[in-house]
Each structure stands twice: as structure tokens, then as C-alpha cells.
Amino acid sequence: MKKQLGIFLVTGLALLAAASPAFAATISRSMDIGSQNADVTTLQTTLATDPSLYPEGKVTGYFGALTSAAVQRFQAKYGVVSSGSPATTGYGRVGPATIAKFNDVYGNGSVGGADVSAPILSNVGTAITTSGANMLWSTNEPATGIVFYSQSPLILAEAAGPHQAPTITGTNVMSMNSVSNTTNSLALSGLNASSTYYYVIESIDAAGNIQMTWPTIFTTR
């Protein structure tokens, strides 16, 4: 398969949401072990700015044991709940009370004047031909972008810390560097006909906040 490198324009966007930059540090969904969505990334990115809450600082988009422990510290610090379990008192999970307190504390989209909001990805799609695909997406702020694709499933590893990109590996991975734009279109060529490809789009804003799509597939004609 032919690999292609190129430069394209991107403007920051966060996953599965269309929110204004002023509210980018708010969350709206309940989260527990196993949750994977843009709110998890926002939660992790924001809590990572306070080492007393989230010393590991992993921004992965996946709500695991470390994130649950960080939520417990947040809940105790701000008087939401300080004992029990996720099933009994909500200790360690993000429910309505924790959402309300998080938005009250971080709702201005910044912590200590720093940009802690990941770019927001939206309108992600593909236009398919027999030997190519036109990758489409939008962003809500200037950001750089990376596109990975492969005929084999892509493997994502956790980021090592705040502002560090997750590692994405796989056969025939294609990466892209970009400047800034709000509507993006990138043509992939030299693909095999009637073949399935896996892809991920990653966006990084000027402050180093990272957001990405979850691995998705398209099939050429």
C-alpha cells in the first residue's frame, strides 16, 4: 500500500461534541470505569493541571483506575463525597453532583489562566473512491493534526502524561503535519479497491492539549 505524507490545515476540535471554546472545560456526561468519550479527556486534561488531584497526569480518553482515584481526590477536596464506593455513594465515579461541582470549579475553560481545553473535533467523515479516500473534519481552534491509517487494526497506547500524545502503531501508518484551519480535507491515494482501512485523526492545539477520534473504518469501492 502506498503511504502518503502531506501538510494540511486544522483548527482545534474535540470528539463527538460541538461546544463553544468558553465552555470547553465543562463536562456533561456521567462517567465510570470503562467510559471512553470526549468528556473523559476533558476531565483528565483538567485534573492533570493539579498534581495533588491527578499526579499521574495521563490523558488517554479512557476512564480507568487512575482516573477514578483522581475523581475521588477531587470529590473529597470540594466536598462532594469522601467515602464509600462508586455503587454506594458515587465515590470515584462522575455523577450529577460531581459534574455540577467540576463545572462550577473549571467552567471558565481555564485553570490559573492556562489553556487546559483540548481541541474539539467535529464533522468527521470520508468520501470514498475505488483507490482513495478524502478525509474530512472540522476544528474549533487552531491546531496541528495527525492522521493515521492502516489495513490492520491500529493499536493505541496510553499517553505518558499531560500534553503527551498517545502512541499509535500499526501497519502502514500515515502521519500528517498541519497548520490551522476550521474545515479540513485530505486526499488519500493509492489505496486498494474493496478494502477496509482503519484510521485515527489526532488534533493538538497551541498549548499542547490533545484530542483524537477513536479508531474508525472505511471501505474503498
Protein backbone atom coordinates (compact mmCIF):
# COMPACT_ATOMS: atom_id res chain seq x y z
CA MET A 1 0.00 0.00 0.00
CA LYS A 2 1.24 3.43 -0.85
CA LYS A 3 1.93 5.75 2.08
CA GLN A 4 1.41 9.47 1.74
CA LEU A 5 2.68 12.38 3.82
CA GLY A 6 1.35 15.89 3.46
CA ILE A 7 0.58 19.16 5.13
CA PHE A 8 -2.96 20.20 5.84
CA LEU A 9 -4.84 22.85 7.77
CA VAL A 10 -6.59 22.22 11.07
CA THR A 11 -8.45 24.19 13.70
CA GLY A 12 -8.91 22.64 17.14
CA LEU A 13 -11.90 20.32 17.69
CA ALA A 14 -12.93 17.87 20.45
CA LEU A 15 -14.51 14.46 19.97
CA LEU A 16 -18.22 13.93 19.45
CA ALA A 17 -19.14 17.42 20.61
CA ALA A 18 -19.79 20.89 19.31
CA ALA A 19 -19.17 23.29 22.16
CA SER A 20 -18.02 26.88 22.23
CA PRO A 21 -14.46 27.49 23.47
CA ALA A 22 -15.83 29.30 26.52
CA PHE A 23 -17.34 26.06 27.79
CA ALA A 24 -14.65 23.65 26.60
CA ALA A 25 -13.63 22.80 30.18
CA THR A 26 -17.11 21.68 31.21
CA ILE A 27 -18.42 18.13 31.15
CA SER A 28 -21.96 16.87 30.67
CA ARG A 29 -21.90 13.06 30.86
CA SER A 30 -21.71 10.64 33.79
CA MET A 31 -18.51 8.58 33.71
CA ASP A 32 -17.32 5.39 35.37
CA ILE A 33 -14.69 2.69 34.82
CA GLY A 34 -14.65 1.86 31.12
CA SER A 35 -16.08 5.16 29.83
CA GLN A 36 -14.45 6.46 26.64
CA ASN A 37 -15.51 9.84 25.29
CA ALA A 38 -14.52 13.48 24.95
CA ASP A 39 -15.68 14.30 28.47
CA VAL A 40 -13.20 11.76 29.87
CA THR A 41 -10.40 13.57 28.02
CA THR A 42 -11.60 16.94 29.30
CA LEU A 43 -11.81 15.55 32.83
CA GLN A 44 -8.30 14.08 32.67
CA THR A 45 -6.73 17.12 30.99
CA THR A 46 -8.18 19.48 33.57
CA LEU A 47 -7.49 17.39 36.68
CA ALA A 48 -3.91 16.82 35.45
CA THR A 49 -3.21 20.54 35.94
CA ASP A 50 -3.41 19.89 39.70
CA PRO A 51 -0.82 17.27 40.72
CA SER A 52 -2.49 16.90 44.11
CA LEU A 53 -5.58 15.55 42.32
CA TYR A 54 -4.07 13.64 39.40
CA PRO A 55 -0.30 13.17 39.87
CA GLU A 56 -0.07 10.57 37.09
CA GLY A 57 -1.47 13.09 34.60
CA LYS A 58 -2.42 10.51 31.96
CA VAL A 59 -4.68 11.93 29.24
CA THR A 60 -5.97 8.90 27.37
CA GLY A 61 -9.70 9.40 26.86
CA TYR A 62 -10.28 6.19 28.85
CA PHE A 63 -11.70 6.25 32.38
CA GLY A 64 -9.61 3.74 34.32
CA ALA A 65 -8.46 3.17 37.89
CA LEU A 66 -6.09 6.17 37.92
CA THR A 67 -8.83 8.50 36.71
CA SER A 68 -11.23 7.09 39.29
CA ALA A 69 -8.69 7.79 42.04
CA ALA A 70 -8.25 11.35 40.73
CA VAL A 71 -12.01 11.83 40.82
CA GLN A 72 -12.05 10.62 44.45
CA ARG A 73 -9.48 13.27 45.37
CA PHE A 74 -11.49 15.93 43.54
CA GLN A 75 -14.70 14.87 45.27
CA ALA A 76 -13.06 14.94 48.71
CA LYS A 77 -11.34 18.28 48.10
CA TYR A 78 -14.54 20.00 47.01
CA GLY A 79 -16.91 18.35 49.47
CA VAL A 80 -18.89 16.18 47.05
CA VAL A 81 -18.25 12.83 48.78
CA SER A 82 -15.25 11.37 50.61
CA SER A 83 -16.05 7.73 51.33
CA GLY A 84 -17.95 4.72 50.08
CA SER A 85 -17.77 3.24 46.59
CA PRO A 86 -18.99 4.07 43.09
CA ALA A 87 -22.00 1.81 43.61
CA THR A 88 -22.96 3.10 47.07
CA THR A 89 -22.12 6.80 47.29
CA GLY A 90 -20.69 7.58 43.85
CA TYR A 91 -17.19 7.90 45.33
CA GLY A 92 -14.80 7.55 42.38
CA ARG A 93 -17.35 7.94 39.60
CA VAL A 94 -18.62 11.08 37.87
CA GLY A 95 -22.33 11.57 38.53
CA PRO A 96 -24.62 14.62 38.61
CA ALA A 97 -23.14 16.15 41.79
CA THR A 98 -19.56 15.76 40.59
CA ILE A 99 -20.46 17.14 37.16
CA ALA A 100 -22.02 20.20 38.79
CA LYS A 101 -19.00 20.80 41.04
CA PHE A 102 -16.50 20.26 38.20
CA ASN A 103 -18.32 22.78 36.00
CA ASP A 104 -18.51 25.22 38.91
CA VAL A 105 -14.74 24.97 39.53
CA TYR A 106 -13.49 24.76 35.94
CA GLY A 107 -16.37 26.12 33.90
CA ASN A 108 -14.45 29.12 32.56
CA GLY A 109 -12.35 26.79 30.39
CA SER A 110 -9.05 27.61 32.07
CA VAL A 111 -7.13 26.83 35.26
CA GLY A 112 -4.82 29.51 36.60
CA GLY A 113 -5.03 31.31 33.26
CA ALA A 114 -3.67 28.30 31.35
CA ASP A 115 -5.42 26.73 28.37
CA VAL A 116 -6.45 23.24 29.52
CA SER A 117 -9.14 22.59 26.93
CA ALA A 118 -8.46 20.06 24.18
CA PRO A 119 -9.44 21.00 20.63
CA ILE A 120 -12.91 19.85 19.59
CA LEU A 121 -13.23 17.57 16.55
CA SER A 122 -16.48 17.55 14.63
CA ASN A 123 -17.96 16.67 11.24
CA VAL A 124 -15.52 13.78 10.80
CA GLY A 125 -16.19 11.84 7.62
CA THR A 126 -14.82 10.27 4.45
CA ALA A 127 -15.59 10.45 0.73
CA ILE A 128 -14.64 7.08 -0.78
CA THR A 129 -13.46 6.05 -4.27
CA THR A 130 -12.04 2.75 -5.57
CA SER A 131 -8.44 3.73 -4.86
CA GLY A 132 -8.66 6.62 -2.43
CA ALA A 133 -10.47 8.43 0.37
CA ASN A 134 -10.96 12.09 1.11
CA MET A 135 -10.66 12.62 4.89
CA LEU A 136 -12.89 15.40 6.22
CA TRP A 137 -13.16 17.08 9.62
CA SER A 138 -13.55 20.43 11.37
CA THR A 139 -11.94 22.02 14.41
CA ASN A 140 -12.91 24.81 16.82
CA GLU A 141 -9.46 26.38 17.34
CA PRO A 142 -6.10 26.47 15.52
CA ALA A 143 -4.36 23.11 15.96
CA THR A 144 -1.97 20.72 14.30
CA GLY A 145 -3.26 17.36 13.13
CA ILE A 146 -2.05 13.83 12.55
CA VAL A 147 -3.87 11.20 10.51
CA PHE A 148 -3.00 7.53 10.93
CA TYR A 149 -4.36 4.76 8.68
CA SER A 150 -3.72 1.09 8.10
CA GLN A 151 -5.32 -2.04 6.70
CA SER A 152 -4.53 -3.67 10.06
CA PRO A 153 -6.24 -2.57 13.30
CA LEU A 154 -4.45 0.41 14.86
CA ILE A 155 -3.06 -0.06 18.36
CA LEU A 156 -3.30 2.88 20.78
CA ALA A 157 -1.18 3.09 23.95
CA GLU A 158 -1.76 5.46 26.86
CA ALA A 159 -0.04 8.83 26.90
CA ALA A 160 2.80 9.12 29.39
CA GLY A 161 1.50 12.39 30.84
CA PRO A 162 -0.17 15.76 30.19
CA HIS A 163 0.41 17.23 26.75
CA GLN A 164 1.98 13.99 25.54
CA ALA A 165 0.34 12.29 22.59
CA PRO A 166 -0.85 8.70 22.81
CA THR A 167 1.28 6.25 20.84
CA ILE A 168 -0.50 4.92 17.76
CA THR A 169 1.07 1.97 15.99
CA GLY A 170 0.08 -0.33 13.16
CA THR A 171 0.96 -1.46 9.68
CA ASN A 172 1.28 1.24 7.02
CA VAL A 173 0.57 4.16 9.34
CA MET A 174 0.39 7.57 7.72
CA SER A 175 1.08 10.73 9.72
CA MET A 176 0.35 14.30 8.75
CA ASN A 177 1.58 17.66 9.99
CA SER A 178 -0.78 20.58 9.71
CA VAL A 179 -1.20 24.29 10.25
CA SER A 180 -4.56 25.79 11.12
CA ASN A 181 -7.97 25.87 9.52
CA THR A 182 -11.57 25.21 10.50
CA THR A 183 -12.59 22.88 7.66
CA ASN A 184 -10.15 20.22 6.58
CA SER A 185 -9.95 17.92 3.59
CA LEU A 186 -7.15 15.44 2.98
CA ALA A 187 -6.99 13.07 0.00
CA LEU A 188 -5.51 9.59 0.48
CA SER A 189 -4.49 7.88 -2.75
CA GLY A 190 -3.02 4.58 -3.86
CA LEU A 191 -5.40 2.52 -1.72
CA ASN A 192 -6.53 -0.99 -2.59
CA ALA A 193 -10.01 -1.40 -4.06
CA SER A 194 -12.73 -3.11 -2.00
CA SER A 195 -10.51 -2.95 1.09
CA THR A 196 -11.14 -1.91 4.70
CA TYR A 197 -8.87 0.69 6.31
CA TYR A 198 -8.64 1.77 9.95
CA TYR A 199 -7.94 5.42 10.72
CA VAL A 200 -7.46 7.87 13.58
CA ILE A 201 -7.34 11.67 13.42
CA GLU A 202 -5.42 13.44 16.18
CA SER A 203 -5.52 17.20 16.88
CA ILE A 204 -3.12 19.22 19.07
CA ASP A 205 -3.64 22.88 19.96
CA ALA A 206 -1.00 25.53 20.62
CA ALA A 207 -0.97 24.75 24.37
CA GLY A 208 -0.33 21.07 23.70
CA ASN A 209 -3.82 19.86 24.57
CA ILE A 210 -4.60 16.72 22.59
CA GLN A 211 -7.81 15.20 21.26
CA MET A 212 -8.36 12.34 18.85
CA THR A 213 -11.01 10.24 17.22
CA TRP A 214 -11.41 6.64 18.24
CA PRO A 215 -10.29 4.13 15.58
CA THR A 216 -12.86 4.04 12.78
CA ILE A 217 -13.03 2.21 9.47
CA PHE A 218 -13.89 2.97 5.87
CA THR A 219 -14.03 0.59 2.90
CA THR A 220 -12.95 1.54 -0.60
CA ARG A 221 -15.23 0.74 -3.53
